C-alpha cells in the first residue's frame, strides 16, 4: 500500500517551496526552511545549502544543532560534496564516509563528518535551466539504513532542490518586474507633472508649449536641478516668472 501521508507531505513541501512572491522574502530564511524540510523528508542529521547572495557566498542550514551543518559546509573550503556539486553543476551521488575513498577525496570534511557521526553524504545542484543558483548537501547519520533506496533519496533531494531553484528564480523575476514597474510609474508621473507645468506657464505667459518647456529646461540646467523638481515648484506656485525666465524674456 502506498504511503499517502508521505506523498501528501512532499506535495505540501513542493508547493511551499515554489511560493516565493513576497515583498519581505529573505533567501537565507527561505533556504533554511527548505533545508529543514530535507532533514524531515530524507531522514538526515542535517542539510545545508551554499548559495550566492548579492555577489557573496552564503550558507543556509537545517537540522539540530545548526552548528553541525554550518561546520560541515565550512569544512569544505578544500573540497567536499556541496562545493563539488556547486562547481560542476551536477549531483554528487551518495558516498559512504566510513570508506577510505572520501578521506582521500575530501580529508578535512570527512574527518569532521566522522567525528559527528555522519555516515554518508550526497549533494545536488539548485539549477534553473542554465543558471546555477547553489547546491544542497545532505548529511546522513551512521545508523541510517543505506542500500538500494539511496538513489531514490538522491532523486528526492534533487526534486526539492529543483523546486527551490524555481522559487528563487521566480522571486528574482518578481523583484525585477516590481522594480521596473516602479521606475515606469515614476517616469510617467514625472512626465505628467512636466506637461502640467508647461501648460501652466504657456497659459500664464500666452506662449506656446515649446517656449514654456524651454524655460523649464533652461532653469533646470542653470540651477542644476532635475526637470521634475522644477515642474513641481511651478505647479506649487513657488517659482516667480522673473526667476524662472532668468533674464531672457525680452521676446515675451
Protein backbone atom coordinates (compact mmCIF):
# COMPACT_ATOMS: atom_id res chain seq x y z
CA UNK A 1 0.00 0.00 0.00
CA UNK A 2 1.34 3.40 -0.96
CA UNK A 3 2.26 5.84 1.79
CA UNK A 4 -0.27 8.58 1.09
CA UNK A 5 0.84 10.57 4.13
CA UNK A 6 4.41 10.87 2.83
CA UNK A 7 3.18 11.76 -0.66
CA UNK A 8 0.91 14.46 0.75
CA UNK A 9 3.71 15.90 2.88
CA UNK A 10 6.05 16.01 -0.13
CA UNK A 11 3.37 17.77 -2.19
CA UNK A 12 2.92 20.35 0.57
CA UNK A 13 6.67 20.98 0.74
CA UNK A 14 6.97 21.41 -3.04
CA UNK A 15 4.06 23.88 -3.13
CA UNK A 16 5.50 25.87 -0.23
CA UNK A 17 8.96 25.86 -1.79
CA UNK A 18 7.79 27.43 -5.05
CA UNK A 19 5.70 30.11 -3.30
CA UNK A 20 8.18 32.99 -3.01
CA UNK A 21 6.31 36.07 -4.27
CA UNK A 22 6.60 38.04 -1.04
CA UNK A 23 7.98 41.55 -0.62
CA UNK A 24 9.76 40.58 2.62
CA UNK A 25 11.39 37.49 1.10
CA UNK A 26 14.70 36.54 2.73
CA UNK A 27 16.73 33.96 0.73
CA UNK A 28 18.65 32.71 3.77
CA UNK A 29 15.49 32.11 5.82
CA UNK A 30 13.77 30.58 2.79
CA UNK A 31 16.59 28.15 2.03
CA UNK A 32 16.86 27.38 5.74
CA UNK A 33 13.23 26.19 5.64
CA UNK A 34 13.97 24.16 2.53
CA UNK A 35 16.93 22.56 4.30
CA UNK A 36 14.71 21.80 7.29
CA UNK A 37 12.19 20.04 5.05
CA UNK A 38 15.02 17.95 3.62
CA UNK A 39 16.04 16.84 7.12
CA UNK A 40 12.45 15.70 7.68
CA UNK A 41 11.85 14.00 4.32
CA UNK A 42 15.29 12.45 3.85
CA UNK A 43 15.87 11.20 7.43
CA UNK A 44 19.06 13.28 7.60
CA UNK A 45 21.00 14.56 10.58
CA UNK A 46 21.38 17.93 8.86
CA UNK A 47 21.31 19.58 5.48
CA UNK A 48 22.94 22.73 4.18
CA UNK A 49 22.79 24.98 1.14
CA UNK A 50 25.59 27.06 -0.33
CA UNK A 51 24.21 29.86 -2.49
CA UNK A 52 25.09 33.23 -3.96
CA UNK A 53 23.60 36.24 -2.19
CA UNK A 54 24.36 39.71 -3.57
CA UNK A 55 27.63 38.51 -5.05
CA UNK A 56 28.92 36.71 -1.95
CA UNK A 57 28.75 33.09 -0.82
CA UNK A 58 26.17 32.40 1.90
CA UNK A 59 25.04 29.36 3.91
CA UNK A 60 21.55 28.19 4.90
CA UNK A 61 21.11 25.15 7.11
CA UNK A 62 18.51 22.80 8.55
CA UNK A 63 18.65 20.33 11.43
CA UNK A 64 19.72 20.43 15.04
CA UNK A 65 22.17 21.58 16.13
CA UNK A 66 22.50 24.19 13.40
CA UNK A 67 26.23 24.45 14.12
CA UNK A 68 26.69 20.92 12.78
CA UNK A 69 25.54 21.80 9.26
CA UNK A 70 27.37 25.13 9.33
CA UNK A 71 30.58 23.40 10.36
CA UNK A 72 30.24 20.73 7.68
CA UNK A 73 29.70 23.37 5.00
CA UNK A 74 32.57 25.49 6.28
CA UNK A 75 34.90 22.48 6.29
CA UNK A 76 34.53 22.17 2.51
CA UNK A 77 36.84 25.05 1.60
CA UNK A 78 39.37 22.47 0.41
CA UNK A 79 36.82 20.10 -1.07
CA UNK A 80 33.51 18.48 -0.25
CA UNK A 81 30.29 17.24 -1.84
CA UNK A 82 28.47 20.58 -1.75
CA UNK A 83 31.25 22.66 -3.31
CA UNK A 84 31.87 19.86 -5.82
CA UNK A 85 28.23 19.93 -6.92
CA UNK A 86 28.33 23.73 -6.99
CA UNK A 87 31.46 23.66 -9.14
CA UNK A 88 30.25 21.09 -11.66
CA UNK A 89 26.52 21.82 -11.64
CA UNK A 90 25.86 18.08 -11.27
CA UNK A 91 24.75 15.83 -8.40
CA UNK A 92 27.30 14.11 -6.20
CA UNK A 93 25.87 10.59 -5.66
CA UNK A 94 25.72 9.11 -2.15
CA UNK A 95 29.15 8.49 -0.63
CA UNK A 96 29.84 6.34 2.46
CA UNK A 97 32.16 8.35 4.67
CA UNK A 98 33.24 5.23 6.55
CA UNK A 99 35.20 4.08 3.49
CA UNK A 100 38.75 5.10 2.55
CA UNK A 101 37.98 6.91 -0.72
CA UNK A 102 36.21 10.00 0.72
CA UNK A 103 39.03 10.51 3.25
CA UNK A 104 41.41 10.92 0.31
CA UNK A 105 38.92 12.91 -1.75
CA UNK A 106 37.81 15.36 0.99
CA UNK A 107 40.10 14.84 4.01
CA UNK A 108 39.12 17.83 6.14
CA UNK A 109 35.40 17.48 5.55
CA UNK A 110 35.39 13.71 6.01
CA UNK A 111 37.29 13.86 9.29
CA UNK A 112 34.84 16.39 10.75
CA UNK A 113 31.80 14.46 9.48
CA UNK A 114 33.03 11.21 11.02
CA UNK A 115 33.62 12.89 14.38
CA UNK A 116 29.98 13.98 14.40
CA UNK A 117 28.55 10.60 13.46
CA UNK A 118 27.81 11.34 9.80
CA UNK A 119 27.97 8.09 7.88
CA UNK A 120 27.09 9.22 4.35
CA UNK A 121 26.50 12.32 2.28
CA UNK A 122 25.31 13.49 -1.12
CA UNK A 123 24.68 16.80 -2.86
CA UNK A 124 22.52 18.17 -5.64
CA UNK A 125 22.62 21.48 -7.54
CA UNK A 126 19.98 24.20 -7.37
CA UNK A 127 19.64 24.95 -11.05
CA UNK A 128 17.08 26.92 -13.05
CA UNK A 129 17.70 25.92 -16.66
CA UNK A 130 21.26 27.07 -17.38
CA UNK A 131 21.57 29.21 -14.25
CA UNK A 132 23.27 27.58 -11.26
CA UNK A 133 21.96 29.17 -8.05
CA UNK A 134 23.55 26.98 -5.39
CA UNK A 135 23.91 23.43 -4.09
CA UNK A 136 22.14 21.37 -1.43
CA UNK A 137 24.13 18.98 0.77
CA UNK A 138 22.54 16.14 2.78
CA UNK A 139 24.30 14.61 5.80
CA UNK A 140 23.08 11.15 6.82
CA UNK A 141 23.73 9.57 10.24
CA UNK A 142 25.75 6.36 10.55
CA UNK A 143 22.75 4.46 11.90
CA UNK A 144 20.55 5.24 8.90
CA UNK A 145 19.77 2.33 6.56
CA UNK A 146 21.69 2.67 3.32
CA UNK A 147 21.11 0.47 0.33
CA UNK A 148 19.10 0.37 -2.89
CA UNK A 149 16.96 3.31 -1.68
CA UNK A 150 19.96 5.67 -1.80
CA UNK A 151 19.33 6.55 -5.44
CA UNK A 152 15.71 7.35 -4.62
CA UNK A 153 16.84 9.66 -1.82
CA UNK A 154 19.12 11.46 -4.28
CA UNK A 155 16.26 11.94 -6.74
CA UNK A 156 14.00 13.22 -3.97
CA UNK A 157 16.66 15.70 -2.87
CA UNK A 158 17.03 16.84 -6.48
CA UNK A 159 13.26 17.34 -6.80
CA UNK A 160 13.25 19.58 -3.73
CA UNK A 161 16.33 21.44 -4.98
CA UNK A 162 14.66 21.96 -8.37
CA UNK A 163 11.58 23.41 -6.64
CA UNK A 164 13.82 25.71 -4.58
CA UNK A 165 15.58 26.88 -7.74
CA UNK A 166 12.20 27.70 -9.29
CA UNK A 167 11.25 29.58 -6.14
CA UNK A 168 14.47 31.63 -6.16
CA UNK A 169 14.15 32.36 -9.88
CA UNK A 170 10.51 33.40 -9.52
CA UNK A 171 11.30 35.79 -6.69
CA UNK A 172 14.17 37.37 -8.61
CA UNK A 173 11.92 37.85 -11.63
CA UNK A 174 9.16 39.22 -9.38
CA UNK A 175 11.59 41.71 -7.82
CA UNK A 176 12.87 42.83 -11.22
CA UNK A 177 9.33 43.35 -12.52
CA UNK A 178 8.31 45.27 -9.40
CA UNK A 179 11.37 47.49 -9.72
CA UNK A 180 10.69 48.09 -13.41
CA UNK A 181 7.03 48.87 -12.73
CA UNK A 182 8.03 51.36 -10.04
CA UNK A 183 10.50 53.03 -12.38
CA UNK A 184 7.95 53.24 -15.20
CA UNK A 185 5.32 54.65 -12.86
CA UNK A 186 7.81 57.23 -11.61
CA UNK A 187 8.71 58.22 -15.16
CA UNK A 188 5.03 58.52 -16.13
CA UNK A 189 4.21 60.62 -13.07
CA UNK A 190 7.19 62.87 -13.78
CA UNK A 191 6.11 63.30 -17.40
CA UNK A 192 2.61 64.26 -16.30
CA UNK A 193 3.97 66.91 -13.89
CA UNK A 194 6.20 68.38 -16.58
CA UNK A 195 3.30 68.56 -19.04
CA UNK A 196 1.15 70.19 -16.38
CA UNK A 197 3.85 72.77 -15.62
CA UNK A 198 4.24 73.52 -19.33
CA UNK A 199 0.53 74.12 -19.60
CA UNK A 200 0.51 76.45 -16.61
CA UNK A 201 3.37 78.56 -17.99
CA UNK A 202 2.05 78.62 -21.56
CA UNK A 203 -1.32 79.86 -20.36
CA UNK A 204 0.16 82.41 -17.96
CA UNK A 205 2.72 83.75 -20.45
CA UNK A 206 0.49 83.44 -23.54
CA UNK A 207 3.16 81.42 -25.33
CA UNK A 208 3.38 78.03 -27.00
CA UNK A 209 4.12 74.81 -25.14
CA UNK A 210 7.60 74.60 -26.68
CA UNK A 211 8.59 78.01 -25.29
CA UNK A 212 7.30 77.05 -21.87
CA UNK A 213 9.27 73.81 -21.96
CA UNK A 214 12.44 75.69 -22.98
CA UNK A 215 12.01 77.93 -19.94
CA UNK A 216 11.72 74.91 -17.64
CA UNK A 217 14.73 73.23 -19.21
CA UNK A 218 16.94 76.35 -19.14
CA UNK A 219 16.13 76.99 -15.50
CA UNK A 220 16.78 73.34 -14.56
CA UNK A 221 20.17 73.40 -16.30
CA UNK A 222 21.13 76.74 -14.80
CA UNK A 223 20.27 75.64 -11.28
CA UNK A 224 21.40 72.02 -11.84
CA UNK A 225 18.02 70.62 -10.91
CA UNK A 226 16.03 67.78 -12.39
CA UNK A 227 13.10 68.80 -14.57
CA UNK A 228 10.58 67.03 -12.38
CA UNK A 229 11.56 69.11 -9.35
CA UNK A 230 11.30 72.36 -11.33
CA UNK A 231 7.89 71.31 -12.68
CA UNK A 232 6.70 70.53 -9.14
CA UNK A 233 7.76 74.01 -7.97
CA UNK A 234 5.88 75.60 -10.88
CA UNK A 235 2.73 73.64 -10.06
CA UNK A 236 3.01 74.70 -6.39
CA UNK A 237 3.48 78.32 -7.46
CA UNK A 238 6.80 78.72 -5.61
CA UNK A 239 8.77 79.99 -8.66
CA UNK A 240 8.13 83.56 -9.85
CA UNK A 241 8.33 84.44 -13.54
CA UNK A 242 11.49 86.54 -13.26
CA UNK A 243 13.40 83.77 -11.52
CA UNK A 244 12.18 81.16 -13.95
CA UNK A 245 12.87 83.22 -17.10
CA UNK A 246 16.28 84.26 -15.82
CA UNK A 247 16.57 87.48 -17.80
CA UNK A 248 15.90 86.08 -21.28
CA UNK A 249 12.28 87.27 -21.54
CA UNK A 250 12.92 90.12 -23.98
CA UNK A 251 10.93 88.39 -26.72
CA UNK A 252 7.87 87.87 -24.44
